[in-house]
Amino acid sequence: MDHIDCYVTIHADESDLKTLQEYAEIPLNLINEPGTDTQQLITSQPPQRRSTYLVWDQHESVILVNPSTSSSIRYQLSNENDKEALSSQLSTHKFDSVTQQQESLPLPAKAKATKYALYLDLPTLQLDDNLLKVFRQVIVDSIQDQCSLTVLLNTAAISVTQQRSAAGLWSIQTEKQWTEWQTLLGLLYMTQVQVAYSQDSPLFDMTVMVLPLLDDDYMASTKLDFDTLFAVHDDVPILNAWNAKRQSARLAPFPVRIITSSPNVNTISSNTDGLIEKDHQLKTFDKVVVGGTFDHLHAGHKILLTMTALSSTRAMVVGVTDDSILQSKKHHEWIEPTEQRIEQVRQFCKKIRPDMIYDIVPIFDPYGPTITDPTIDALVCSQETLKGGHMVNDEREKRNYSILTLRVIDVISATSDSALGNEANLTDKISSTWIRNYLAQQAQRN
């Protein structure tokens, strides 16, 4: 036979294919299988197959599979010895098709996938119907594969120069920006909650990361270890560029899976045009505070913490309610220890905005650091906790501290209009109380 089959499961460009052809030194019959699992591809081959073939599942290496001997060997393409060995193996194999029962091939065991990511490019913070369908499908895939999901949100609403200027870090500066950001985050996280409940997976874990808030080389860092990156076809070049950076840093590239999409259709929900008659300039804040129990960190908490992080130019204070004043809470035995909750908040905050200064402390009363730190400028709260914000300002006034600006998040309020329609208002199910009740019921059943 004058060629060898080569299954290509990665997204390779023309120059990559040319390079592989040079390594092989024998004509390749390229068979595109983007995103296909290597083990699944090999075990799905016809039992009668005997001809040797290649599987190109990583940019830096290929697997030579020989069904006739039930063997498979991985060759590193950057290693000269491996290249010579691969060429030698290909020149000595007979690529014929003699019927023989294929046996199970001893591929190295592959660790189970646990972390998925979805790249979303939203230049104006507006999500259309098509991308929402893509987003929902990726959530379903993540749940079915028992993986967490990170949404990598890219947007021109924050420029790199704005993010790091002499005046401090980028922060929300107008009423329209405040509304757009909380509406978009609300739509993403509430969609997560809706799909997760429909899949009977209420504890499904998802985090939205805003890429312009991260370091330029963050995607090429060792901190990230996604098993698969999802993207629509138009965004694949960006992911390939990330993988090129990772390879130059001697890191494994992220496997990329393309999600089928349709031409853009109507923009929904996060389009706030017409909601604000005048786009009022907001005061910028050097230090912003937020407080809560943050038990079993969920979508509502993540919206609250992200909006707080987007509201400061330098520092963020988080007050985490201590165990000692939570004993009257329903199912208090399921409340996570204070230190654990503090650490979870810290990890989340450092993940979404690593260059912010964080002070995450336990609080033993309704006020916490708001009445001991005169340098705090603003307090982020929900409609339900707004009354507490006014109480904080009453106490600050008694101490001759400046009054805190209260920034209210509407999308996690029980009275808010859901971005997913009236019947999809799930705010009652994104509470720590609901999660503790769910955990208690699950324990009872078991």
Protein backbone atom coordinates (compact mmCIF):
# COMPACT_ATOMS: atom_id res chain seq x y z
CA MET A 1 0.00 0.00 0.00
CA ASP A 2 1.44 3.41 -0.93
CA HIS A 3 0.00 5.50 1.88
CA ILE A 4 -0.96 5.39 5.56
CA ASP A 5 -4.17 6.59 7.18
CA CYS A 6 -3.71 9.43 9.64
CA TYR A 7 -6.64 10.39 11.86
CA VAL A 8 -6.37 14.09 12.83
CA THR A 9 -8.29 14.85 16.04
CA ILE A 10 -6.69 18.24 16.69
CA HIS A 11 -7.31 21.44 14.74
CA ALA A 12 -4.25 21.71 12.52
CA ASP A 13 -3.52 24.30 9.84
CA GLU A 14 -1.91 23.67 6.45
CA SER A 15 1.67 24.22 7.69
CA ASP A 16 1.13 21.71 10.53
CA LEU A 17 -0.08 19.08 8.07
CA LYS A 18 2.87 19.75 5.78
CA THR A 19 5.29 19.33 8.69
CA LEU A 20 3.70 16.03 9.71
CA GLN A 21 3.89 14.81 6.13
CA GLU A 22 7.63 15.54 6.11
CA TYR A 23 8.10 13.58 9.35
CA ALA A 24 6.22 10.57 8.01
CA GLU A 25 8.19 10.34 4.73
CA ILE A 26 5.30 8.36 3.25
CA PRO A 27 2.06 9.75 1.76
CA LEU A 28 -0.60 10.35 4.40
CA ASN A 29 -4.31 9.85 3.90
CA LEU A 30 -5.60 12.54 6.28
CA ILE A 31 -8.93 11.76 7.95
CA ASN A 32 -10.35 14.66 9.96
CA GLU A 33 -11.91 13.64 13.29
CA PRO A 34 -11.79 16.93 15.29
CA GLY A 35 -12.43 16.55 19.01
CA THR A 36 -12.74 12.74 18.90
CA ASP A 37 -11.39 10.92 21.95
CA THR A 38 -8.25 8.92 21.05
CA GLN A 39 -9.21 5.72 22.88
CA GLN A 40 -12.71 5.84 21.43
CA LEU A 41 -11.34 6.32 17.90
CA ILE A 42 -9.01 3.32 18.18
CA THR A 43 -11.50 0.95 19.76
CA SER A 44 -14.11 1.88 17.12
CA GLN A 45 -11.94 0.61 14.26
CA PRO A 46 -13.35 -2.40 12.33
CA PRO A 47 -12.30 -5.75 13.87
CA GLN A 48 -10.88 -6.93 10.54
CA ARG A 49 -8.52 -3.99 10.25
CA ARG A 50 -4.85 -4.94 10.20
CA SER A 51 -3.22 -1.95 8.49
CA THR A 52 -1.07 0.32 10.61
CA TYR A 53 -2.28 3.90 11.02
CA LEU A 54 -1.47 7.16 12.80
CA VAL A 55 -3.52 9.19 15.27
CA TRP A 56 -2.53 12.84 15.57
CA ASP A 57 -4.20 13.86 18.83
CA GLN A 58 -1.63 16.32 20.19
CA HIS A 59 0.22 19.05 18.31
CA GLU A 60 3.58 17.87 19.63
CA SER A 61 3.14 14.12 19.18
CA VAL A 62 1.45 11.32 17.20
CA ILE A 63 0.52 7.72 18.00
CA LEU A 64 1.49 4.87 15.67
CA VAL A 65 -1.09 2.09 16.01
CA ASN A 66 -0.36 -1.43 14.76
CA PRO A 67 -3.47 -3.64 15.10
CA SER A 68 -1.62 -6.75 13.92
CA THR A 69 0.55 -6.69 17.06
CA SER A 70 -2.01 -4.94 19.31
CA SER A 71 0.47 -2.19 20.06
CA SER A 72 0.61 1.59 20.01
CA ILE A 73 3.59 3.92 20.43
CA ARG A 74 3.60 7.70 20.93
CA TYR A 75 6.32 9.70 19.16
CA GLN A 76 7.34 13.26 20.10
CA LEU A 77 7.62 15.31 16.90
CA SER A 78 10.09 17.75 18.42
CA ASN A 79 12.50 14.96 19.36
CA GLU A 80 14.98 14.04 16.60
CA ASN A 81 15.38 10.47 17.85
CA ASP A 82 11.63 9.97 17.90
CA LYS A 83 11.31 11.39 14.38
CA GLU A 84 13.92 8.96 13.09
CA ALA A 85 12.27 6.05 14.93
CA LEU A 86 8.86 6.96 13.50
CA SER A 87 10.24 7.16 9.99
CA SER A 88 11.97 3.80 10.45
CA GLN A 89 8.80 2.16 11.78
CA LEU A 90 6.74 3.47 8.87
CA SER A 91 9.27 2.23 6.31
CA THR A 92 9.25 -1.33 7.72
CA HIS A 93 5.49 -1.77 8.21
CA LYS A 94 3.36 -3.38 5.54
CA PHE A 95 0.20 -1.36 5.07
CA ASP A 96 -2.02 -4.13 3.79
CA SER A 97 -5.52 -5.20 4.77
CA VAL A 98 -5.38 -8.80 5.96
CA THR A 99 -8.41 -9.79 7.99
CA GLN A 100 -7.53 -10.29 11.64
CA GLN A 101 -9.45 -9.80 14.87
CA GLN A 102 -8.38 -6.50 16.45
CA GLU A 103 -7.40 -6.79 20.09
CA SER A 104 -7.58 -4.19 22.82
CA LEU A 105 -4.65 -1.83 22.36
CA PRO A 106 -2.53 -0.94 25.39
CA LEU A 107 -2.76 2.84 25.19
CA PRO A 108 -1.55 4.74 28.25
CA ALA A 109 -4.50 5.37 30.52
CA LYS A 110 -6.00 8.80 30.01
CA ALA A 111 -7.15 10.73 33.04
CA LYS A 112 -10.87 11.43 33.13
CA ALA A 113 -11.78 14.92 31.96
CA THR A 114 -12.90 17.19 34.81
CA LYS A 115 -12.59 20.76 33.49
CA TYR A 116 -14.21 22.22 30.39
CA ALA A 117 -14.04 25.80 29.13
CA LEU A 118 -16.10 27.81 26.64
CA TYR A 119 -14.68 30.81 24.78
CA LEU A 120 -17.31 33.53 24.26
CA ASP A 121 -16.53 36.69 22.28
CA LEU A 122 -19.04 39.43 23.11
CA PRO A 123 -17.68 42.78 21.88
CA THR A 124 -20.61 44.79 23.24
CA LEU A 125 -21.72 42.58 26.16
CA GLN A 126 -24.72 41.42 24.14
CA LEU A 127 -25.62 37.76 23.78
CA ASP A 128 -27.65 36.64 20.77
CA ASP A 129 -30.04 33.68 20.51
CA ASN A 130 -27.49 31.57 18.68
CA LEU A 131 -24.71 31.97 21.26
CA LEU A 132 -27.21 31.35 24.04
CA LYS A 133 -28.08 28.00 22.41
CA VAL A 134 -24.36 27.19 22.10
CA PHE A 135 -23.87 28.12 25.75
CA ARG A 136 -26.75 25.92 26.90
CA GLN A 137 -25.44 22.96 24.88
CA VAL A 138 -21.96 23.27 26.39
CA ILE A 139 -23.51 23.30 29.88
CA VAL A 140 -25.40 20.10 29.04
CA ASP A 141 -22.22 18.48 27.66
CA SER A 142 -20.28 19.50 30.78
CA ILE A 143 -22.92 18.06 33.10
CA GLN A 144 -23.16 14.80 31.15
CA ASP A 145 -19.36 14.43 31.21
CA GLN A 146 -19.29 15.39 34.92
CA CYS A 147 -17.01 18.36 34.27
CA SER A 148 -16.97 21.86 35.71
CA LEU A 149 -17.24 24.74 33.20
CA THR A 150 -15.31 28.00 32.92
CA VAL A 151 -16.70 30.64 30.57
CA LEU A 152 -13.83 32.66 29.08
CA LEU A 153 -15.55 35.94 28.23
CA ASN A 154 -13.74 38.22 25.82
CA THR A 155 -15.08 41.71 25.22
CA ALA A 156 -14.01 45.02 23.73
CA ALA A 157 -15.95 46.72 26.54
CA ILE A 158 -12.67 46.62 28.49
CA SER A 159 -9.47 47.51 26.65
CA VAL A 160 -6.03 46.43 27.83
CA THR A 161 -4.98 50.07 28.26
CA GLN A 162 -8.08 50.77 30.33
CA GLN A 163 -7.44 47.73 32.51
CA ARG A 164 -4.02 48.92 33.65
CA SER A 165 -3.65 52.69 33.79
CA ALA A 166 -1.96 55.21 36.09
CA ALA A 167 -5.35 55.89 37.66
CA GLY A 168 -5.61 52.29 38.80
CA LEU A 169 -7.40 49.21 37.50
CA TRP A 170 -10.37 49.43 35.17
CA SER A 171 -13.74 49.70 36.91
CA ILE A 172 -17.35 50.31 35.99
CA GLN A 173 -17.75 54.03 35.40
CA THR A 174 -21.25 54.62 34.05
CA GLU A 175 -24.81 53.64 34.87
CA LYS A 176 -25.09 51.87 31.51
CA GLN A 177 -21.96 49.79 32.19
CA TRP A 178 -23.33 48.79 35.60
CA THR A 179 -26.61 47.66 34.03
CA GLU A 180 -24.97 45.88 31.09
CA TRP A 181 -22.52 43.94 33.23
CA GLN A 182 -24.99 42.77 35.85
CA THR A 183 -27.55 41.87 33.16
CA LEU A 184 -25.03 39.81 31.19
CA LEU A 185 -23.64 38.05 34.28
CA GLY A 186 -27.18 37.43 35.46
CA LEU A 187 -28.12 35.90 32.10
CA LEU A 188 -25.06 33.61 32.05
CA TYR A 189 -25.35 32.41 35.63
CA MET A 190 -29.14 32.11 35.62
CA THR A 191 -28.95 30.08 32.40
CA GLN A 192 -26.46 27.82 34.17
CA VAL A 193 -28.89 27.37 37.05
CA GLN A 194 -31.85 26.72 34.76
CA VAL A 195 -30.03 24.10 32.66
CA ALA A 196 -28.42 22.47 35.71
CA TYR A 197 -31.81 22.01 37.39
CA SER A 198 -33.33 20.64 34.20
CA GLN A 199 -30.49 18.09 34.13
CA ASP A 200 -31.02 17.21 37.81
CA SER A 201 -27.56 18.60 38.65
CA PRO A 202 -28.24 21.62 40.92
CA LEU A 203 -24.67 21.64 42.27
CA PHE A 204 -23.07 21.97 38.82
CA ASP A 205 -20.07 24.31 39.06
CA MET A 206 -19.53 27.15 36.56
CA THR A 207 -17.41 30.31 36.68
CA VAL A 208 -17.34 33.29 34.31
CA MET A 209 -13.90 34.81 33.78
CA VAL A 210 -13.46 38.16 31.98
CA LEU A 211 -10.33 37.78 29.84
CA PRO A 212 -9.34 41.49 29.57
CA LEU A 213 -9.02 41.52 33.39
CA LEU A 214 -6.33 38.82 33.24
CA ASP A 215 -2.66 38.95 32.36
CA ASP A 216 -1.87 38.85 28.62
CA ASP A 217 -0.11 35.50 28.99
CA TYR A 218 -2.65 34.01 31.39
CA MET A 219 -3.89 31.45 28.87
CA ALA A 220 -0.33 30.18 28.45
CA SER A 221 0.23 29.76 32.17
CA THR A 222 0.55 26.58 34.17
CA LYS A 223 -2.44 27.70 36.26
CA LEU A 224 -4.85 26.52 33.59
CA ASP A 225 -5.46 22.87 32.86
CA PHE A 226 -8.69 22.65 30.87
CA ASP A 227 -9.40 19.25 29.34
CA THR A 228 -11.34 20.75 26.43
CA LEU A 229 -11.93 24.24 25.06
CA PHE A 230 -15.25 24.78 23.29
CA ALA A 231 -15.69 27.51 20.68
CA VAL A 232 -17.72 28.43 17.62
CA HIS A 233 -15.87 28.05 14.32
CA ASP A 234 -15.08 31.76 13.88
CA ASP A 235 -13.21 31.84 17.20
CA VAL A 236 -10.99 28.79 16.62
CA PRO A 237 -8.02 30.91 15.33
CA ILE A 238 -7.88 32.66 18.70
CA LEU A 239 -7.73 29.34 20.53
CA ASN A 240 -5.07 28.09 18.13
CA ALA A 241 -3.00 31.19 18.93
CA TRP A 242 -3.32 30.39 22.65
CA ASN A 243 -2.18 26.84 22.00
CA ALA A 244 0.79 28.10 20.01
CA LYS A 245 1.80 30.20 23.03
CA ARG A 246 1.39 27.21 25.30
CA GLN A 247 3.54 25.04 23.07
CA SER A 248 6.28 27.67 22.93
CA ALA A 249 6.18 27.61 26.75
CA ARG A 250 6.47 23.78 26.60
CA LEU A 251 2.92 23.32 27.87
CA ALA A 252 0.38 20.89 26.44
CA PRO A 253 -2.14 22.55 24.13
CA PHE A 254 -5.81 22.60 25.02
CA PRO A 255 -7.93 20.19 22.93
CA VAL A 256 -10.42 22.32 20.97
CA ARG A 257 -13.98 21.27 20.20
CA ILE A 258 -16.01 23.27 17.69
CA ILE A 259 -19.66 23.88 18.54
CA THR A 260 -21.95 24.22 15.53
CA SER A 261 -23.51 27.65 15.28
CA SER A 262 -25.87 29.49 12.95
CA PRO A 263 -25.57 33.01 11.54
CA ASN A 264 -26.18 35.66 14.19
CA VAL A 265 -29.80 36.25 14.99
CA ASN A 266 -31.63 38.56 17.37
CA THR A 267 -29.72 39.95 20.30
CA ILE A 268 -31.49 39.25 23.57
CA SER A 269 -31.59 40.12 27.24
CA SER A 270 -28.22 41.71 27.75
CA ASN A 271 -29.00 44.48 25.29
CA THR A 272 -29.80 47.41 27.55
CA ASP A 273 -30.47 49.99 24.83
CA GLY A 274 -33.45 52.04 25.84
CA LEU A 275 -33.34 50.93 29.47
CA ILE A 276 -31.33 54.01 30.48
CA GLU A 277 -32.43 57.38 29.14
CA LYS A 278 -29.13 59.06 30.10
CA ASP A 279 -25.88 57.25 30.72
CA HIS A 280 -24.87 58.92 33.99
CA GLN A 281 -21.22 58.96 34.97
CA LEU A 282 -20.58 57.11 38.21
CA LYS A 283 -18.04 57.84 40.89
CA THR A 284 -15.06 55.48 40.82
CA PHE A 285 -14.07 53.67 44.01
CA ASP A 286 -10.66 52.78 45.40
CA LYS A 287 -11.97 50.23 47.90
CA VAL A 288 -15.32 48.43 47.73
CA VAL A 289 -16.88 46.08 50.29
CA VAL A 290 -19.37 43.22 50.08
CA GLY A 291 -20.60 40.85 52.76
CA GLY A 292 -22.44 37.56 53.09
CA THR A 293 -22.39 34.00 54.36
CA PHE A 294 -20.98 32.65 51.07
CA ASP A 295 -21.94 29.12 52.06
CA HIS A 296 -21.68 26.55 49.23
CA LEU A 297 -20.55 29.25 46.78
CA HIS A 298 -23.22 29.46 44.08
CA ALA A 299 -24.29 31.52 41.06
CA GLY A 300 -25.78 34.34 43.14
CA HIS A 301 -22.57 34.69 45.15
CA LYS A 302 -20.50 34.71 41.96
CA ILE A 303 -22.58 37.53 40.43
CA LEU A 304 -22.23 39.53 43.65
CA LEU A 305 -18.46 39.00 43.96
CA THR A 306 -17.80 39.66 40.26
CA MET A 307 -19.79 42.90 40.23
CA THR A 308 -17.91 44.02 43.34
CA ALA A 309 -14.56 43.22 41.70
CA LEU A 310 -15.65 45.20 38.62
CA SER A 311 -16.50 48.21 40.79
CA SER A 312 -13.09 48.89 42.34
CA THR A 313 -9.89 50.41 40.96
CA ARG A 314 -7.63 48.91 43.63
CA ALA A 315 -8.99 46.88 46.55
CA MET A 316 -11.95 44.75 47.61
CA VAL A 317 -13.03 43.80 51.14
CA VAL A 318 -15.21 40.72 51.66
CA GLY A 319 -16.88 40.05 55.01
CA VAL A 320 -17.72 36.37 55.53
CA THR A 321 -20.23 35.64 58.31
CA ASP A 322 -18.64 33.56 61.07
CA ASP A 323 -20.01 30.18 62.16
CA SER A 324 -20.77 31.52 65.63
CA ILE A 325 -23.70 33.65 64.45
CA LEU A 326 -25.16 31.10 62.03
CA GLN A 327 -26.34 28.49 64.52
CA SER A 328 -30.01 29.42 64.06
CA LYS A 329 -29.84 28.88 60.29
CA LYS A 330 -31.87 26.00 58.90
CA HIS A 331 -29.70 22.87 58.47
CA HIS A 332 -26.81 24.73 60.10
CA GLU A 333 -24.98 21.39 60.37
CA TRP A 334 -24.49 21.59 56.59
CA ILE A 335 -22.92 25.05 56.72
CA GLU A 336 -19.28 24.94 55.62
CA PRO A 337 -16.68 26.05 58.23
CA THR A 338 -15.76 29.73 58.20
CA GLU A 339 -12.18 29.15 57.04
CA GLN A 340 -13.37 26.97 54.19
CA ARG A 341 -15.84 29.61 53.03
CA ILE A 342 -13.19 32.33 53.27
CA GLU A 343 -10.76 30.25 51.20
CA GLN A 344 -13.39 29.51 48.54
CA VAL A 345 -14.16 33.23 48.23
CA ARG A 346 -10.44 34.01 48.03
CA GLN A 347 -9.83 31.44 45.30
CA PHE A 348 -12.79 32.65 43.26
CA CYS A 349 -11.80 36.33 43.54
CA LYS A 350 -8.15 35.68 42.66
CA LYS A 351 -9.32 33.64 39.68
CA ILE A 352 -11.59 36.29 38.18
CA ARG A 353 -9.37 39.33 38.94
CA PRO A 354 -5.90 38.34 40.13
CA ASP A 355 -4.41 41.87 40.25
CA MET A 356 -6.92 43.22 42.79
CA ILE A 357 -5.93 43.58 46.46
CA TYR A 358 -8.24 41.40 48.59
CA ASP A 359 -9.01 41.51 52.30
CA ILE A 360 -11.32 38.60 53.13
CA VAL A 361 -12.24 38.47 56.80
CA PRO A 362 -14.72 36.78 59.14
CA ILE A 363 -17.45 39.02 60.56
CA PHE A 364 -19.26 38.57 63.86
CA ASP A 365 -22.03 41.17 63.50
CA PRO A 366 -24.07 42.73 60.67
CA TYR A 367 -21.47 45.46 60.08
CA GLY A 368 -18.02 43.90 59.99
CA PRO A 369 -15.24 46.15 58.64
CA THR A 370 -17.70 48.73 57.28
CA ILE A 371 -17.77 50.48 60.66
CA THR A 372 -14.08 50.08 61.48
CA ASP A 373 -12.44 50.99 58.15
CA PRO A 374 -12.95 54.65 57.16
CA THR A 375 -11.18 54.13 53.80
CA ILE A 376 -13.99 52.01 52.27
CA ASP A 377 -15.84 53.94 49.55
CA ALA A 378 -18.76 51.77 48.48
CA LEU A 379 -20.88 48.77 49.43
CA VAL A 380 -22.35 46.34 46.87
CA CYS A 381 -25.63 44.73 47.92
CA SER A 382 -28.83 43.17 46.59
CA GLN A 383 -32.37 44.50 46.92
CA GLU A 384 -32.85 42.14 49.88
CA THR A 385 -29.79 43.48 51.74
CA LEU A 386 -30.24 47.17 50.85
CA LYS A 387 -31.82 47.88 54.23
CA GLY A 388 -28.65 46.57 55.87
CA GLY A 389 -26.63 48.96 53.69
CA HIS A 390 -28.60 51.91 55.08
CA MET A 391 -27.99 50.61 58.63
CA VAL A 392 -24.25 50.53 57.88
CA ASN A 393 -24.33 54.18 56.78
CA ASP A 394 -26.22 55.17 59.94
CA GLU A 395 -23.42 53.62 62.03
CA ARG A 396 -20.69 55.23 59.89
CA GLU A 397 -22.34 58.62 60.32
CA LYS A 398 -22.19 58.21 64.11
CA ARG A 399 -18.43 57.65 63.78
CA ASN A 400 -17.94 60.62 61.43
CA TYR A 401 -16.96 58.28 58.58
CA SER A 402 -17.87 59.08 54.99
CA ILE A 403 -21.18 57.64 53.80
CA LEU A 404 -20.77 54.59 51.58
CA THR A 405 -22.22 54.67 48.08
CA LEU A 406 -24.64 51.75 47.82
CA ARG A 407 -24.49 49.89 44.50
CA VAL A 408 -27.51 47.58 44.17
CA ILE A 409 -27.57 44.40 42.07
CA ASP A 410 -31.07 43.74 40.76
CA VAL A 411 -30.60 40.50 38.82
CA ILE A 412 -30.37 38.29 41.90
CA SER A 413 -33.44 39.80 43.52
CA ALA A 414 -36.58 37.70 43.89
CA THR A 415 -38.55 40.65 42.47
CA SER A 416 -36.38 41.13 39.38
CA ASP A 417 -37.55 40.36 35.86
CA SER A 418 -35.76 37.20 34.83
CA ALA A 419 -33.70 37.36 31.65
CA LEU A 420 -35.03 33.88 30.91
CA GLY A 421 -38.72 34.74 31.10
CA ASN A 422 -41.19 34.92 33.96
CA GLU A 423 -41.48 31.15 34.40
CA ALA A 424 -37.71 30.80 34.65
CA ASN A 425 -37.20 32.95 37.74
CA LEU A 426 -34.94 30.65 39.74
CA THR A 427 -33.69 33.09 42.34
CA ASP A 428 -35.28 31.02 45.11
CA LYS A 429 -33.03 28.13 44.09
CA ILE A 430 -29.73 29.99 44.10
CA SER A 431 -29.63 30.35 47.86
CA SER A 432 -27.38 28.62 50.36
CA THR A 433 -30.49 27.65 52.33
CA TRP A 434 -31.90 25.77 49.33
CA ILE A 435 -28.56 23.99 48.77
CA ARG A 436 -28.30 22.94 52.43
CA ASN A 437 -31.86 21.64 52.30
CA TYR A 438 -30.99 19.70 49.12
CA LEU A 439 -27.87 18.20 50.71
CA ALA A 440 -29.82 17.21 53.81
CA GLN A 441 -32.50 15.49 51.68
CA GLN A 442 -29.86 13.67 49.66
CA ALA A 443 -28.18 12.43 52.84
CA GLN A 444 -31.52 11.23 54.17
CA ARG A 445 -32.20 9.23 51.01
CA ASN A 446 -28.81 7.60 51.18
